[in-house]
Amino acid sequence: MEKFKTEKPVISSGVAKKFVEKSCDTSQRFWVQKWLENLVQSNSYPPQICGKDAFSSLHKFLSPEDCQKVLEKIRSEFPN
């Protein structure tokens, strides 16, 4: 019988914590990753923003004002 490989989020717990300012378990890291994927697809942002170095890529590709808006939005929508 073939074994299933467990899927791991691309976003590390440290990166997820930078986005939501809270420690994140695996399911919360998946939530952050999906939220960022939706952000990238909805706004035609570079795909690096939902990759391994998402937090630094966000600051690299967006203006400081846009970064602040994104961080405020993800933090307000993050499930407690």
N, C-alpha and C. Protein backbone atom coordinates (compact mmCIF):
# COMPACT_ATOMS: atom_id res chain seq x y z
N MET A 1 0.84 -1.17 0.00
CA MET A 1 0.00 0.00 0.00
C MET A 1 0.90 1.25 0.00
N GLU A 2 0.51 2.19 -0.82
CA GLU A 2 1.30 3.43 -0.96
C GLU A 2 1.03 4.37 0.20
N LYS A 3 2.12 4.93 0.74
CA LYS A 3 1.97 5.87 1.84
C LYS A 3 1.75 7.27 1.32
N PHE A 4 0.91 8.00 2.01
CA PHE A 4 0.66 9.39 1.66
C PHE A 4 1.71 10.25 2.35
N LYS A 5 2.23 11.21 1.61
CA LYS A 5 3.16 12.15 2.20
C LYS A 5 2.36 13.30 2.80
N THR A 6 2.72 13.68 4.00
CA THR A 6 2.02 14.81 4.60
C THR A 6 2.50 16.09 3.95
N GLU A 7 1.55 16.93 3.66
CA GLU A 7 1.86 18.21 3.03
C GLU A 7 2.28 19.19 4.10
N LYS A 8 3.33 19.93 3.81
CA LYS A 8 3.82 20.94 4.74
C LYS A 8 3.63 22.32 4.13
N PRO A 9 3.30 23.30 4.94
CA PRO A 9 3.17 24.66 4.40
C PRO A 9 4.53 25.20 3.97
N VAL A 10 4.52 26.01 2.94
CA VAL A 10 5.74 26.66 2.46
C VAL A 10 6.18 27.72 3.45
N ILE A 11 5.22 28.37 4.06
CA ILE A 11 5.48 29.44 5.01
C ILE A 11 5.98 28.84 6.33
N SER A 12 7.13 29.29 6.80
CA SER A 12 7.66 28.81 8.08
C SER A 12 6.89 29.45 9.23
N SER A 13 7.05 28.89 10.40
CA SER A 13 6.34 29.45 11.56
C SER A 13 6.87 30.85 11.89
N GLY A 14 8.15 31.10 11.65
CA GLY A 14 8.71 32.42 11.89
C GLY A 14 8.15 33.47 10.95
N VAL A 15 8.01 33.11 9.68
CA VAL A 15 7.45 34.04 8.69
C VAL A 15 5.97 34.29 9.00
N ALA A 16 5.25 33.24 9.32
CA ALA A 16 3.82 33.40 9.65
C ALA A 16 3.65 34.31 10.85
N LYS A 17 4.53 34.17 11.84
CA LYS A 17 4.45 35.00 13.04
C LYS A 17 4.69 36.47 12.70
N LYS A 18 5.58 36.75 11.74
CA LYS A 18 5.82 38.13 11.32
C LYS A 18 4.56 38.74 10.70
N PHE A 19 3.80 37.93 9.98
CA PHE A 19 2.59 38.44 9.33
C PHE A 19 1.47 38.71 10.32
N VAL A 20 1.25 37.78 11.25
CA VAL A 20 0.07 37.90 12.12
C VAL A 20 0.41 38.26 13.57
N GLU A 21 1.68 38.39 13.87
CA GLU A 21 2.15 38.75 15.20
C GLU A 21 1.69 37.79 16.29
N LYS A 22 1.54 36.52 15.93
CA LYS A 22 1.17 35.47 16.88
C LYS A 22 1.87 34.18 16.45
N SER A 23 2.16 33.31 17.39
CA SER A 23 2.70 32.00 17.05
C SER A 23 1.63 31.22 16.29
N CYS A 24 2.05 30.45 15.30
CA CYS A 24 1.11 29.74 14.44
C CYS A 24 1.42 28.25 14.41
N ASP A 25 0.36 27.45 14.54
CA ASP A 25 0.53 26.01 14.34
C ASP A 25 0.45 25.72 12.83
N THR A 26 0.53 24.47 12.46
CA THR A 26 0.56 24.10 11.04
C THR A 26 -0.69 24.55 10.30
N SER A 27 -1.86 24.36 10.88
CA SER A 27 -3.09 24.76 10.18
C SER A 27 -3.15 26.27 10.00
N GLN A 28 -2.66 27.01 10.96
CA GLN A 28 -2.64 28.47 10.84
C GLN A 28 -1.62 28.91 9.79
N ARG A 29 -0.51 28.20 9.70
CA ARG A 29 0.47 28.50 8.65
C ARG A 29 -0.12 28.25 7.27
N PHE A 30 -0.92 27.19 7.13
CA PHE A 30 -1.62 26.95 5.86
C PHE A 30 -2.58 28.09 5.57
N TRP A 31 -3.27 28.58 6.60
CA TRP A 31 -4.21 29.68 6.41
C TRP A 31 -3.46 30.91 5.89
N VAL A 32 -2.33 31.26 6.51
CA VAL A 32 -1.53 32.41 6.07
C VAL A 32 -1.07 32.21 4.63
N GLN A 33 -0.62 31.01 4.31
CA GLN A 33 -0.15 30.71 2.96
C GLN A 33 -1.28 30.89 1.95
N LYS A 34 -2.45 30.35 2.23
CA LYS A 34 -3.60 30.47 1.31
C LYS A 34 -4.03 31.93 1.18
N TRP A 35 -4.00 32.67 2.29
CA TRP A 35 -4.37 34.08 2.25
C TRP A 35 -3.42 34.83 1.33
N LEU A 36 -2.13 34.56 1.45
CA LEU A 36 -1.14 35.22 0.60
C LEU A 36 -1.28 34.81 -0.86
N GLU A 37 -1.57 33.54 -1.10
CA GLU A 37 -1.79 33.08 -2.48
C GLU A 37 -2.97 33.82 -3.10
N ASN A 38 -4.04 34.00 -2.33
CA ASN A 38 -5.20 34.74 -2.81
C ASN A 38 -4.84 36.20 -3.09
N LEU A 39 -4.05 36.80 -2.21
CA LEU A 39 -3.59 38.18 -2.40
C LEU A 39 -2.81 38.32 -3.70
N VAL A 40 -1.90 37.40 -3.93
CA VAL A 40 -1.06 37.43 -5.13
C VAL A 40 -1.92 37.27 -6.39
N GLN A 41 -2.83 36.31 -6.37
CA GLN A 41 -3.68 36.07 -7.54
C GLN A 41 -4.66 37.21 -7.79
N SER A 42 -5.20 37.76 -6.74
CA SER A 42 -6.20 38.83 -6.88
C SER A 42 -5.60 40.14 -7.37
N ASN A 43 -4.34 40.38 -7.04
CA ASN A 43 -3.71 41.66 -7.36
C ASN A 43 -2.58 41.57 -8.37
N SER A 44 -2.37 40.39 -8.93
CA SER A 44 -1.29 40.16 -9.89
C SER A 44 0.07 40.57 -9.34
N TYR A 45 0.29 40.22 -8.06
CA TYR A 45 1.58 40.48 -7.43
C TYR A 45 2.55 39.37 -7.80
N PRO A 46 3.84 39.59 -7.61
CA PRO A 46 4.83 38.54 -7.89
C PRO A 46 4.59 37.32 -6.99
N PRO A 47 4.78 36.12 -7.52
CA PRO A 47 4.51 34.91 -6.74
C PRO A 47 5.43 34.72 -5.54
N GLN A 48 6.54 35.42 -5.49
CA GLN A 48 7.45 35.30 -4.36
C GLN A 48 6.79 35.74 -3.06
N ILE A 49 5.75 36.57 -3.17
CA ILE A 49 5.06 37.08 -1.98
C ILE A 49 4.34 35.96 -1.23
N CYS A 50 4.08 34.84 -1.87
CA CYS A 50 3.48 33.71 -1.15
C CYS A 50 4.45 32.54 -1.06
N GLY A 51 5.73 32.82 -1.20
CA GLY A 51 6.74 31.78 -1.14
C GLY A 51 7.43 31.71 0.21
N LYS A 52 8.56 31.02 0.22
CA LYS A 52 9.31 30.77 1.45
C LYS A 52 9.75 32.07 2.14
N ASP A 53 10.15 33.06 1.37
CA ASP A 53 10.58 34.35 1.92
C ASP A 53 9.51 35.41 1.74
N ALA A 54 8.29 35.07 2.07
CA ALA A 54 7.13 35.92 1.80
C ALA A 54 7.23 37.30 2.44
N PHE A 55 7.66 37.35 3.69
CA PHE A 55 7.67 38.63 4.39
C PHE A 55 8.67 39.59 3.77
N SER A 56 9.87 39.12 3.48
CA SER A 56 10.86 40.00 2.86
C SER A 56 10.47 40.35 1.42
N SER A 57 9.84 39.41 0.72
CA SER A 57 9.39 39.68 -0.65
C SER A 57 8.28 40.73 -0.67
N LEU A 58 7.42 40.68 0.32
CA LEU A 58 6.35 41.68 0.41
C LEU A 58 6.95 43.07 0.47
N HIS A 59 7.97 43.23 1.30
CA HIS A 59 8.62 44.53 1.45
C HIS A 59 9.48 44.88 0.24
N LYS A 60 9.93 43.89 -0.46
CA LYS A 60 10.75 44.12 -1.65
C LYS A 60 9.92 44.64 -2.82
N PHE A 61 8.72 44.09 -2.99
CA PHE A 61 7.93 44.40 -4.18
C PHE A 61 6.85 45.46 -3.97
N LEU A 62 6.46 45.72 -2.73
CA LEU A 62 5.39 46.69 -2.49
C LEU A 62 5.94 47.92 -1.77
N SER A 63 5.24 49.00 -1.92
CA SER A 63 5.62 50.23 -1.22
C SER A 63 5.37 50.05 0.28
N PRO A 64 6.02 50.85 1.11
CA PRO A 64 5.78 50.74 2.55
C PRO A 64 4.31 50.92 2.93
N GLU A 65 3.62 51.80 2.24
CA GLU A 65 2.20 52.02 2.53
C GLU A 65 1.38 50.78 2.19
N ASP A 66 1.67 50.18 1.03
CA ASP A 66 0.94 48.97 0.62
C ASP A 66 1.25 47.80 1.54
N CYS A 67 2.50 47.69 1.97
CA CYS A 67 2.88 46.64 2.94
C CYS A 67 2.07 46.79 4.22
N GLN A 68 1.97 47.99 4.71
CA GLN A 68 1.23 48.25 5.94
C GLN A 68 -0.24 47.87 5.78
N LYS A 69 -0.82 48.20 4.63
CA LYS A 69 -2.22 47.84 4.38
C LYS A 69 -2.42 46.33 4.36
N VAL A 70 -1.49 45.62 3.71
CA VAL A 70 -1.58 44.16 3.64
C VAL A 70 -1.46 43.57 5.04
N LEU A 71 -0.51 44.04 5.82
CA LEU A 71 -0.32 43.51 7.18
C LEU A 71 -1.53 43.80 8.06
N GLU A 72 -2.11 44.97 7.94
CA GLU A 72 -3.30 45.29 8.72
C GLU A 72 -4.47 44.38 8.33
N LYS A 73 -4.60 44.14 7.04
CA LYS A 73 -5.70 43.31 6.54
C LYS A 73 -5.57 41.86 6.98
N ILE A 74 -4.36 41.28 6.82
CA ILE A 74 -4.20 39.87 7.21
C ILE A 74 -4.37 39.71 8.72
N ARG A 75 -3.90 40.67 9.49
CA ARG A 75 -4.03 40.59 10.95
C ARG A 75 -5.49 40.72 11.39
N SER A 76 -6.25 41.54 10.68
CA SER A 76 -7.67 41.69 11.05
C SER A 76 -8.49 40.47 10.65
N GLU A 77 -8.07 39.76 9.61
CA GLU A 77 -8.82 38.59 9.14
C GLU A 77 -8.34 37.27 9.75
N PHE A 78 -7.19 37.30 10.41
CA PHE A 78 -6.63 36.07 10.98
C PHE A 78 -7.55 35.53 12.07
N PRO A 79 -7.92 34.25 11.97
CA PRO A 79 -8.82 33.67 12.98
C PRO A 79 -8.09 33.51 14.32
N ASN A 80 -8.74 33.93 15.37
CA ASN A 80 -8.11 33.84 16.70
C ASN A 80 -8.22 32.47 17.24
